[in-house]
Amino acid sequence: MPIDIERTKDQARALLNSRIKTVEELVKARQKVTDLKEQLANAERDDKRAYIKATRDGWSAEELKKLGLEPAAVGHRRKTQTKTTNTPATDTNQTSNNNPQPL
């Protein structure tokens, strides 16, 4: 039985179309993540402005803290400090591995 080139091409297109669809879904999901990150960045900027406005309107940082309204940057600083604390330990381990002990 001879191979039908047109039928084979149609089957190949069908396979490619299904693969293209999955890539399209991936692109849409990635774009959604990008959009949400942008929305989060905007919301964080708005939050920071509102906190500054509250302090300028007479609210002390301590009063806001008692209300559960610490500045958003506090959380970010704590995470950064944790990372910074871990980094030297990692560097120390790498240094000791690179410099073998004399026998």
PDB file of N, CA and C in Angstrom:
ATOM      1  N   MET A   1       0.854  -1.172   0.000  1.00  0.00           N
ATOM      2  CA  MET A   1       0.000   0.000   0.000  1.00  0.00           C
ATOM      3  C   MET A   1       0.899   1.234   0.000  1.00  0.00           C
ATOM      4  N   PRO A   2       0.661   2.167  -0.933  1.00  0.00           N
ATOM      5  CA  PRO A   2       1.492   3.373  -1.015  1.00  0.00           C
ATOM      6  C   PRO A   2       1.183   4.340   0.129  1.00  0.00           C
ATOM      7  N   ILE A   3       2.187   5.123   0.491  1.00  0.00           N
ATOM      8  CA  ILE A   3       2.033   6.120   1.551  1.00  0.00           C
ATOM      9  C   ILE A   3       1.386   7.348   0.945  1.00  0.00           C
ATOM     10  N   ASP A   4       0.326   7.830   1.603  1.00  0.00           N
ATOM     11  CA  ASP A   4      -0.383   9.026   1.142  1.00  0.00           C
ATOM     12  C   ASP A   4       0.273  10.252   1.778  1.00  0.00           C
ATOM     13  N   ILE A   5       1.007  11.016   0.992  1.00  0.00           N
ATOM     14  CA  ILE A   5       1.752  12.164   1.496  1.00  0.00           C
ATOM     15  C   ILE A   5       0.835  13.217   2.113  1.00  0.00           C
ATOM     16  N   GLU A   6      -0.297  13.483   1.508  1.00  0.00           N
ATOM     17  CA  GLU A   6      -1.220  14.492   2.041  1.00  0.00           C
ATOM     18  C   GLU A   6      -1.791  14.072   3.389  1.00  0.00           C
ATOM     19  N   ARG A   7      -2.130  12.791   3.499  1.00  0.00           N
ATOM     20  CA  ARG A   7      -2.664  12.279   4.757  1.00  0.00           C
ATOM     21  C   ARG A   7      -1.594  12.361   5.850  1.00  0.00           C
ATOM     22  N   THR A   8      -0.370  12.027   5.505  1.00  0.00           N
ATOM     23  CA  THR A   8       0.738  12.096   6.456  1.00  0.00           C
ATOM     24  C   THR A   8       0.983  13.532   6.900  1.00  0.00           C
ATOM     25  N   LYS A   9       0.937  14.464   5.969  1.00  0.00           N
ATOM     26  CA  LYS A   9       1.110  15.880   6.316  1.00  0.00           C
ATOM     27  C   LYS A   9      -0.013  16.360   7.233  1.00  0.00           C
ATOM     28  N   ASP A  10      -1.233  15.945   6.971  1.00  0.00           N
ATOM     29  CA  ASP A  10      -2.361  16.332   7.823  1.00  0.00           C
ATOM     30  C   ASP A  10      -2.194  15.784   9.236  1.00  0.00           C
ATOM     31  N   GLN A  11      -1.732  14.558   9.348  1.00  0.00           N
ATOM     32  CA  GLN A  11      -1.502  13.970  10.665  1.00  0.00           C
ATOM     33  C   GLN A  11      -0.387  14.727  11.407  1.00  0.00           C
ATOM     34  N   ALA A  12       0.659  15.078  10.681  1.00  0.00           N
ATOM     35  CA  ALA A  12       1.763  15.829  11.284  1.00  0.00           C
ATOM     36  C   ALA A  12       1.281  17.195  11.759  1.00  0.00           C
ATOM     37  N   ARG A  13       0.451  17.855  10.942  1.00  0.00           N
ATOM     38  CA  ARG A  13      -0.101  19.162  11.348  1.00  0.00           C
ATOM     39  C   ARG A  13      -0.947  19.038  12.609  1.00  0.00           C
ATOM     40  N   ALA A  14      -1.734  17.992  12.697  1.00  0.00           N
ATOM     41  CA  ALA A  14      -2.582  17.773  13.869  1.00  0.00           C
ATOM     42  C   ALA A  14      -1.718  17.604  15.119  1.00  0.00           C
ATOM     43  N   LEU A  15      -0.627  16.856  14.997  1.00  0.00           N
ATOM     44  CA  LEU A  15       0.271  16.686  16.128  1.00  0.00           C
ATOM     45  C   LEU A  15       0.918  18.014  16.517  1.00  0.00           C
ATOM     46  N   LEU A  16       1.364  18.774  15.536  1.00  0.00           N
ATOM     47  CA  LEU A  16       1.986  20.070  15.815  1.00  0.00           C
ATOM     48  C   LEU A  16       0.992  21.045  16.434  1.00  0.00           C
ATOM     49  N   ASN A  17      -0.241  21.037  15.938  1.00  0.00           N
ATOM     50  CA  ASN A  17      -1.261  21.936  16.484  1.00  0.00           C
ATOM     51  C   ASN A  17      -1.506  21.669  17.966  1.00  0.00           C
ATOM     52  N   SER A  18      -1.502  20.402  18.359  1.00  0.00           N
ATOM     53  CA  SER A  18      -1.710  20.093  19.776  1.00  0.00           C
ATOM     54  C   SER A  18      -0.515  20.560  20.602  1.00  0.00           C
ATOM     55  N   ARG A  19       0.682  20.454  20.055  1.00  0.00           N
ATOM     56  CA  ARG A  19       1.882  20.928  20.761  1.00  0.00           C
ATOM     57  C   ARG A  19       1.895  22.451  20.832  1.00  0.00           C
ATOM     58  N   ILE A  20       1.460  23.097  19.781  1.00  0.00           N
ATOM     59  CA  ILE A  20       1.400  24.562  19.767  1.00  0.00           C
ATOM     60  C   ILE A  20       0.403  25.046  20.811  1.00  0.00           C
ATOM     61  N   LYS A  21      -0.699  24.314  20.969  1.00  0.00           N
ATOM     62  CA  LYS A  21      -1.713  24.696  21.948  1.00  0.00           C
ATOM     63  C   LYS A  21      -1.134  24.687  23.358  1.00  0.00           C
ATOM     64  N   THR A  22      -0.322  23.689  23.689  1.00  0.00           N
ATOM     65  CA  THR A  22       0.255  23.642  25.035  1.00  0.00           C
ATOM     66  C   THR A  22       1.235  24.789  25.261  1.00  0.00           C
ATOM     67  N   VAL A  23       1.969  25.164  24.234  1.00  0.00           N
ATOM     68  CA  VAL A  23       2.887  26.298  24.360  1.00  0.00           C
ATOM     69  C   VAL A  23       2.090  27.585  24.513  1.00  0.00           C
ATOM     70  N   GLU A  24       0.994  27.699  23.805  1.00  0.00           N
ATOM     71  CA  GLU A  24       0.125  28.868  23.920  1.00  0.00           C
ATOM     72  C   GLU A  24      -0.407  28.995  25.353  1.00  0.00           C
ATOM     73  N   GLU A  25      -0.807  27.874  25.948  1.00  0.00           N
ATOM     74  CA  GLU A  25      -1.292  27.872  27.331  1.00  0.00           C
ATOM     75  C   GLU A  25      -0.177  28.299  28.288  1.00  0.00           C
ATOM     76  N   LEU A  26       1.044  27.840  28.032  1.00  0.00           N
ATOM     77  CA  LEU A  26       2.186  28.221  28.862  1.00  0.00           C
ATOM     78  C   LEU A  26       2.460  29.722  28.766  1.00  0.00           C
ATOM     79  N   VAL A  27       2.406  30.249  27.559  1.00  0.00           N
ATOM     80  CA  VAL A  27       2.633  31.689  27.361  1.00  0.00           C
ATOM     81  C   VAL A  27       1.568  32.498  28.093  1.00  0.00           C
ATOM     82  N   LYS A  28       0.313  32.078  28.010  1.00  0.00           N
ATOM     83  CA  LYS A  28      -0.764  32.783  28.708  1.00  0.00           C
ATOM     84  C   LYS A  28      -0.556  32.744  30.219  1.00  0.00           C
ATOM     85  N   ALA A  29      -0.132  31.589  30.739  1.00  0.00           N
ATOM     86  CA  ALA A  29       0.104  31.465  32.181  1.00  0.00           C
ATOM     87  C   ALA A  29       1.262  32.367  32.608  1.00  0.00           C
ATOM     88  N   ARG A  30       2.322  32.400  31.815  1.00  0.00           N
ATOM     89  CA  ARG A  30       3.470  33.253  32.146  1.00  0.00           C
ATOM     90  C   ARG A  30       3.080  34.725  32.104  1.00  0.00           C
ATOM     91  N   GLN A  31       2.259  35.098  31.125  1.00  0.00           N
ATOM     92  CA  GLN A  31       1.824  36.490  31.031  1.00  0.00           C
ATOM     93  C   GLN A  31       0.977  36.860  32.239  1.00  0.00           C
ATOM     94  N   LYS A  32       0.146  35.925  32.702  1.00  0.00           N
ATOM     95  CA  LYS A  32      -0.675  36.178  33.887  1.00  0.00           C
ATOM     96  C   LYS A  32       0.213  36.412  35.103  1.00  0.00           C
ATOM     97  N   VAL A  33       1.267  35.609  35.249  1.00  0.00           N
ATOM     98  CA  VAL A  33       2.210  35.784  36.356  1.00  0.00           C
ATOM     99  C   VAL A  33       2.867  37.159  36.271  1.00  0.00           C
ATOM    100  N   THR A  34       3.305  37.539  35.077  1.00  0.00           N
ATOM    101  CA  THR A  34       3.927  38.844  34.876  1.00  0.00           C
ATOM    102  C   THR A  34       2.968  39.968  35.240  1.00  0.00           C
ATOM    103  N   ASP A  35       1.722  39.858  34.789  1.00  0.00           N
ATOM    104  CA  ASP A  35       0.714  40.878  35.091  1.00  0.00           C
ATOM    105  C   ASP A  35       0.462  40.980  36.592  1.00  0.00           C
ATOM    106  N   LEU A  36       0.365  39.829  37.268  1.00  0.00           N
ATOM    107  CA  LEU A  36       0.111  39.839  38.700  1.00  0.00           C
ATOM    108  C   LEU A  36       1.296  40.405  39.479  1.00  0.00           C
ATOM    109  N   LYS A  37       2.513  40.123  39.031  1.00  0.00           N
ATOM    110  CA  LYS A  37       3.695  40.699  39.688  1.00  0.00           C
ATOM    111  C   LYS A  37       3.680  42.218  39.557  1.00  0.00           C
ATOM    112  N   GLU A  38       3.273  42.699  38.395  1.00  0.00           N
ATOM    113  CA  GLU A  38       3.181  44.147  38.185  1.00  0.00           C
ATOM    114  C   GLU A  38       2.106  44.757  39.079  1.00  0.00           C
ATOM    115  N   GLN A  39       0.967  44.072  39.192  1.00  0.00           N
ATOM    116  CA  GLN A  39      -0.095  44.546  40.071  1.00  0.00           C
ATOM    117  C   GLN A  39       0.374  44.562  41.523  1.00  0.00           C
ATOM    118  N   LEU A  40       1.120  43.535  41.926  1.00  0.00           N
ATOM    119  CA  LEU A  40       1.638  43.475  43.293  1.00  0.00           C
ATOM    120  C   LEU A  40       2.615  44.619  43.543  1.00  0.00           C
ATOM    121  N   ALA A  41       3.495  44.888  42.590  1.00  0.00           N
ATOM    122  CA  ALA A  41       4.450  45.991  42.744  1.00  0.00           C
ATOM    123  C   ALA A  41       3.708  47.317  42.898  1.00  0.00           C
ATOM    124  N   ASN A  42       2.666  47.517  42.105  1.00  0.00           N
ATOM    125  CA  ASN A  42       1.865  48.745  42.215  1.00  0.00           C
ATOM    126  C   ASN A  42       1.165  48.829  43.575  1.00  0.00           C
ATOM    127  N   ALA A  43       0.621  47.713  44.026  1.00  0.00           N
ATOM    128  CA  ALA A  43      -0.066  47.694  45.324  1.00  0.00           C
ATOM    129  C   ALA A  43       0.921  47.973  46.460  1.00  0.00           C
ATOM    130  N   GLU A  44       2.133  47.434  46.353  1.00  0.00           N
ATOM    131  CA  GLU A  44       3.143  47.690  47.387  1.00  0.00           C
ATOM    132  C   GLU A  44       3.553  49.159  47.408  1.00  0.00           C
ATOM    133  N   ARG A  45       3.653  49.778  46.235  1.00  0.00           N
ATOM    134  CA  ARG A  45       3.956  51.211  46.180  1.00  0.00           C
ATOM    135  C   ARG A  45       2.831  52.020  46.815  1.00  0.00           C
ATOM    136  N   ASP A  46       1.587  51.666  46.498  1.00  0.00           N
ATOM    137  CA  ASP A  46       0.429  52.355  47.086  1.00  0.00           C
ATOM    138  C   ASP A  46       0.416  52.187  48.609  1.00  0.00           C
ATOM    139  N   ASP A  47       0.742  50.988  49.076  1.00  0.00           N
ATOM    140  CA  ASP A  47       0.790  50.710  50.505  1.00  0.00           C
ATOM    141  C   ASP A  47       1.845  51.586  51.180  1.00  0.00           C
ATOM    142  N   LYS A  48       2.999  51.678  50.571  1.00  0.00           N
ATOM    143  CA  LYS A  48       4.077  52.493  51.150  1.00  0.00           C
ATOM    144  C   LYS A  48       3.667  53.963  51.213  1.00  0.00           C
ATOM    145  N   ARG A  49       3.054  54.455  50.159  1.00  0.00           N
ATOM    146  CA  ARG A  49       2.594  55.854  50.140  1.00  0.00           C
ATOM    147  C   ARG A  49       1.546  56.098  51.218  1.00  0.00           C
ATOM    148  N   ALA A  50       0.622  55.150  51.365  1.00  0.00           N
ATOM    149  CA  ALA A  50      -0.432  55.296  52.370  1.00  0.00           C
ATOM    150  C   ALA A  50       0.153  55.265  53.779  1.00  0.00           C
ATOM    151  N   TYR A  51       1.149  54.439  54.011  1.00  0.00           N
ATOM    152  CA  TYR A  51       1.792  54.373  55.327  1.00  0.00           C
ATOM    153  C   TYR A  51       2.486  55.703  55.624  1.00  0.00           C
ATOM    154  N   ILE A  52       3.203  56.222  54.649  1.00  0.00           N
ATOM    155  CA  ILE A  52       3.887  57.508  54.828  1.00  0.00           C
ATOM    156  C   ILE A  52       2.869  58.610  55.103  1.00  0.00           C
ATOM    157  N   LYS A  53       1.764  58.586  54.368  1.00  0.00           N
ATOM    158  CA  LYS A  53       0.724  59.597  54.575  1.00  0.00           C
ATOM    159  C   LYS A  53       0.152  59.499  55.986  1.00  0.00           C
ATOM    160  N   ALA A  54      -0.052  58.275  56.464  1.00  0.00           N
ATOM    161  CA  ALA A  54      -0.588  58.079  57.818  1.00  0.00           C
ATOM    162  C   ALA A  54       0.375  58.648  58.860  1.00  0.00           C
ATOM    163  N   THR A  55       1.675  58.428  58.659  1.00  0.00           N
ATOM    164  CA  THR A  55       2.640  58.968  59.626  1.00  0.00           C
ATOM    165  C   THR A  55       2.712  60.488  59.539  1.00  0.00           C
ATOM    166  N   ARG A  56       2.538  61.037  58.361  1.00  0.00           N
ATOM    167  CA  ARG A  56       2.542  62.500  58.215  1.00  0.00           C
ATOM    168  C   ARG A  56       1.278  63.121  58.809  1.00  0.00           C
ATOM    169  N   ASP A  57       0.204  62.328  58.846  1.00  0.00           N
ATOM    170  CA  ASP A  57      -1.051  62.817  59.415  1.00  0.00           C
ATOM    171  C   ASP A  57      -1.097  62.650  60.943  1.00  0.00           C
ATOM    172  N   GLY A  58       0.020  62.250  61.534  1.00  0.00           N
ATOM    173  CA  GLY A  58       0.083  62.210  62.983  1.00  0.00           C
ATOM    174  C   GLY A  58       0.151  60.836  63.616  1.00  0.00           C
ATOM    175  N   TRP A  59      -0.021  59.769  62.856  1.00  0.00           N
ATOM    176  CA  TRP A  59       0.080  58.433  63.435  1.00  0.00           C
ATOM    177  C   TRP A  59       1.556  58.094  63.635  1.00  0.00           C
ATOM    178  N   SER A  60       1.902  57.618  64.827  1.00  0.00           N
ATOM    179  CA  SER A  60       3.285  57.206  65.061  1.00  0.00           C
ATOM    180  C   SER A  60       3.465  55.779  64.553  1.00  0.00           C
ATOM    181  N   ALA A  61       4.700  55.425  64.291  1.00  0.00           N
ATOM    182  CA  ALA A  61       5.001  54.060  63.848  1.00  0.00           C
ATOM    183  C   ALA A  61       4.565  53.056  64.905  1.00  0.00           C
ATOM    184  N   GLU A  62       4.747  53.411  66.179  1.00  0.00           N
ATOM    185  CA  GLU A  62       4.350  52.521  67.275  1.00  0.00           C
ATOM    186  C   GLU A  62       2.830  52.331  67.306  1.00  0.00           C
ATOM    187  N   GLU A  63       2.078  53.407  67.107  1.00  0.00           N
ATOM    188  CA  GLU A  63       0.609  53.298  67.089  1.00  0.00           C
ATOM    189  C   GLU A  63       0.153  52.418  65.938  1.00  0.00           C
ATOM    190  N   LEU A  64       0.730  52.631  64.786  1.00  0.00           N
ATOM    191  CA  LEU A  64       0.361  51.813  63.625  1.00  0.00           C
ATOM    192  C   LEU A  64       0.730  50.352  63.854  1.00  0.00           C
ATOM    193  N   LYS A  65       1.868  50.123  64.476  1.00  0.00           N
ATOM    194  CA  LYS A  65       2.299  48.757  64.782  1.00  0.00           C
ATOM    195  C   LYS A  65       1.296  48.080  65.706  1.00  0.00           C
ATOM    196  N   LYS A  66       0.810  48.808  66.721  1.00  0.00           N
ATOM    197  CA  LYS A  66      -0.186  48.258  67.645  1.00  0.00           C
ATOM    198  C   LYS A  66      -1.474  47.885  66.912  1.00  0.00           C
ATOM    199  N   LEU A  67      -1.754  48.589  65.833  1.00  0.00           N
ATOM    200  CA  LEU A  67      -2.938  48.294  65.021  1.00  0.00           C
ATOM    201  C   LEU A  67      -2.675  47.184  64.000  1.00  0.00           C
ATOM    202  N   GLY A  68      -1.459  46.640  64.036  1.00  0.00           N
ATOM    203  CA  GLY A  68      -1.095  45.583  63.085  1.00  0.00           C
ATOM    204  C   GLY A  68      -0.680  46.122  61.733  1.00  0.00           C
ATOM    205  N   LEU A  69      -0.283  47.386  61.712  1.00  0.00           N
ATOM    206  CA  LEU A  69       0.059  48.039  60.440  1.00  0.00           C
ATOM    207  C   LEU A  69       1.528  48.454  60.413  1.00  0.00           C
ATOM    208  N   GLU A  70       2.400  47.462  60.495  1.00  0.00           N
ATOM    209  CA  GLU A  70       3.825  47.754  60.385  1.00  0.00           C
ATOM    210  C   GLU A  70       4.125  48.158  58.946  1.00  0.00           C
ATOM    211  N   PRO A  71       5.183  48.917  58.756  1.00  0.00           N
ATOM    212  CA  PRO A  71       5.535  49.269  57.370  1.00  0.00           C
ATOM    213  C   PRO A  71       5.865  48.009  56.578  1.00  0.00           C
ATOM    214  N   ALA A  72       5.455  47.970  55.336  1.00  0.00           N
ATOM    215  CA  ALA A  72       5.670  46.789  54.497  1.00  0.00           C
ATOM    216  C   ALA A  72       7.147  46.483  54.327  1.00  0.00           C
ATOM    217  N   ALA A  73       7.996  47.495  54.337  1.00  0.00           N
ATOM    218  CA  ALA A  73       9.427  47.290  54.133  1.00  0.00           C
ATOM    219  C   ALA A  73      10.051  46.468  55.253  1.00  0.00           C
ATOM    220  N   VAL A  74       9.434  46.469  56.448  1.00  0.00           N
ATOM    221  CA  VAL A  74       9.989  45.721  57.574  1.00  0.00           C
ATOM    222  C   VAL A  74      10.093  44.241  57.214  1.00  0.00           C
ATOM    223  N   GLY A  75       9.036  43.692  56.639  1.00  0.00           N
ATOM    224  CA  GLY A  75       9.058  42.285  56.255  1.00  0.00           C
ATOM    225  C   GLY A  75      10.137  41.990  55.240  1.00  0.00           C
ATOM    226  N   HIS A  76      10.338  42.875  54.286  1.00  0.00           N
ATOM    227  CA  HIS A  76      11.358  42.667  53.274  1.00  0.00           C
ATOM    228  C   HIS A  76      12.748  42.741  53.886  1.00  0.00           C
ATOM    229  N   ARG A  77      12.954  43.653  54.826  1.00  0.00           N
ATOM    230  CA  ARG A  77      14.266  43.775  55.454  1.00  0.00           C
ATOM    231  C   ARG A  77      14.619  42.511  56.221  1.00  0.00           C
ATOM    232  N   ARG A  78      13.653  41.951  56.912  1.00  0.00           N
ATOM    233  CA  ARG A  78      13.925  40.731  57.681  1.00  0.00           C
ATOM    234  C   ARG A  78      14.354  39.600  56.764  1.00  0.00           C
ATOM    235  N   LYS A  79      13.699  39.455  55.638  1.00  0.00           N
ATOM    236  CA  LYS A  79      14.071  38.410  54.697  1.00  0.00           C
ATOM    237  C   LYS A  79      15.474  38.644  54.166  1.00  0.00           C
ATOM    238  N   THR A  80      15.792  39.884  53.857  1.00  0.00           N
ATOM    239  CA  THR A  80      17.112  40.209  53.340  1.00  0.00           C
ATOM    240  C   THR A  80      18.177  39.906  54.377  1.00  0.00           C
ATOM    241  N   GLN A  81      17.921  40.254  55.641  1.00  0.00           N
ATOM    242  CA  GLN A  81      18.892  39.989  56.690  1.00  0.00           C
ATOM    243  C   GLN A  81      19.122  38.498  56.854  1.00  0.00           C
ATOM    244  N   THR A  82      18.081  37.716  56.741  1.00  0.00           N
ATOM    245  CA  THR A  82      18.218  36.272  56.852  1.00  0.00           C
ATOM    246  C   THR A  82      19.118  35.748  55.749  1.00  0.00           C
ATOM    247  N   LYS A  83      18.889  36.221  54.535  1.00  0.00           N
ATOM    248  CA  LYS A  83      19.724  35.797  53.416  1.00  0.00           C
ATOM    249  C   LYS A  83      21.161  36.233  53.629  1.00  0.00           C
ATOM    250  N   THR A  84      21.349  37.453  54.094  1.00  0.00           N
ATOM    251  CA  THR A  84      22.692  37.973  54.318  1.00  0.00           C
ATOM    252  C   THR A  84      23.411  37.145  55.381  1.00  0.00           C
ATOM    253  N   THR A  85      22.683  36.751  56.425  1.00  0.00           N
ATOM    254  CA  THR A  85      23.268  35.960  57.495  1.00  0.00           C
ATOM    255  C   THR A  85      23.725  34.608  56.967  1.00  0.00           C
ATOM    256  N   ASN A  86      22.957  33.998  56.071  1.00  0.00           N
ATOM    257  CA  ASN A  86      23.314  32.688  55.541  1.00  0.00           C
ATOM    258  C   ASN A  86      24.457  32.753  54.542  1.00  0.00           C
ATOM    259  N   THR A  87      24.593  33.852  53.843  1.00  0.00           N
ATOM    260  CA  THR A  87      25.587  33.955  52.792  1.00  0.00           C
ATOM    261  C   THR A  87      27.017  33.794  53.304  1.00  0.00           C
ATOM    262  N   PRO A  88      27.439  34.487  54.393  1.00  0.00           N
ATOM    263  CA  PRO A  88      28.811  34.297  54.856  1.00  0.00           C
ATOM    264  C   PRO A  88      29.099  32.860  55.261  1.00  0.00           C
ATOM    265  N   ALA A  89      28.136  32.167  55.855  1.00  0.00           N
ATOM    266  CA  ALA A  89      28.356  30.776  56.244  1.00  0.00           C
ATOM    267  C   ALA A  89      28.623  29.925  55.015  1.00  0.00           C
ATOM    268  N   THR A  90      27.889  30.179  53.943  1.00  0.00           N
ATOM    269  CA  THR A  90      28.091  29.452  52.705  1.00  0.00           C
ATOM    270  C   THR A  90      29.470  29.753  52.145  1.00  0.00           C
ATOM    271  N   ASP A  91      29.848  31.028  52.174  1.00  0.00           N
ATOM    272  CA  ASP A  91      31.164  31.420  51.674  1.00  0.00           C
ATOM    273  C   ASP A  91      32.264  30.772  52.495  1.00  0.00           C
ATOM    274  N   THR A  92      32.092  30.684  53.807  1.00  0.00           N
ATOM    275  CA  THR A  92      33.085  30.077  54.682  1.00  0.00           C
ATOM    276  C   THR A  92      33.269  28.610  54.324  1.00  0.00           C
ATOM    277  N   ASN A  93      32.149  27.924  54.095  1.00  0.00           N
ATOM    278  CA  ASN A  93      32.238  26.509  53.720  1.00  0.00           C
ATOM    279  C   ASN A  93      32.954  26.339  52.393  1.00  0.00           C
ATOM    280  N   GLN A  94      32.652  27.200  51.469  1.00  0.00           N
ATOM    281  CA  GLN A  94      33.304  27.107  50.172  1.00  0.00           C
ATOM    282  C   GLN A  94      34.789  27.377  50.308  1.00  0.00           C
ATOM    283  N   THR A  95      35.152  28.345  51.131  1.00  0.00           N
ATOM    284  CA  THR A  95      36.551  28.678  51.314  1.00  0.00           C
ATOM    285  C   THR A  95      37.294  27.505  51.930  1.00  0.00           C
ATOM    286  N   SER A  96      36.689  26.877  52.967  1.00  0.00           N
ATOM    287  CA  SER A  96      37.366  25.770  53.620  1.00  0.00           C
ATOM    288  C   SER A  96      37.499  24.579  52.683  1.00  0.00           C
ATOM    289  N   ASN A  97      36.546  24.388  51.770  1.00  0.00           N
ATOM    290  CA  ASN A  97      36.638  23.289  50.822  1.00  0.00           C
ATOM    291  C   ASN A  97      37.705  23.557  49.773  1.00  0.00           C
ATOM    292  N   ASN A  98      37.937  24.814  49.477  1.00  0.00           N
ATOM    293  CA  ASN A  98      38.924  25.160  48.465  1.00  0.00           C
ATOM    294  C   ASN A  98      40.341  25.151  49.015  1.00  0.00           C
ATOM    295  N   ASN A  99      40.488  25.257  50.333  1.00  0.00           N
ATOM    296  CA  ASN A  99      41.801  25.267  50.974  1.00  0.00           C
ATOM    297  C   ASN A  99      41.946  24.029  51.842  1.00  0.00           C
ATOM    298  N   PRO A 100      42.518  22.965  51.319  1.00  0.00           N
ATOM    299  CA  PRO A 100      42.644  21.747  52.132  1.00  0.00           C
ATOM    300  C   PRO A 100      43.575  21.947  53.317  1.00  0.00           C
ATOM    301  N   GLN A 101      43.295  21.227  54.393  1.00  0.00           N
ATOM    302  CA  GLN A 101      44.101  21.308  55.601  1.00  0.00           C
ATOM    303  C   GLN A 101      45.461  20.626  55.334  1.00  0.00           C
ATOM    304  N   PRO A 102      46.550  21.223  55.835  1.00  0.00           N
ATOM    305  CA  PRO A 102      47.852  20.589  55.663  1.00  0.00           C
ATOM    306  C   PRO A 102      47.915  19.291  56.470  1.00  0.00           C
ATOM    307  N   LEU A 103      48.627  18.310  55.958  1.00  0.00           N
ATOM    308  CA  LEU A 103      48.725  17.017  56.626  1.00  0.00           C
ATOM    309  C   LEU A 103      49.789  17.005  57.641  1.00  0.00           C
TER     310      LEU A 103
END
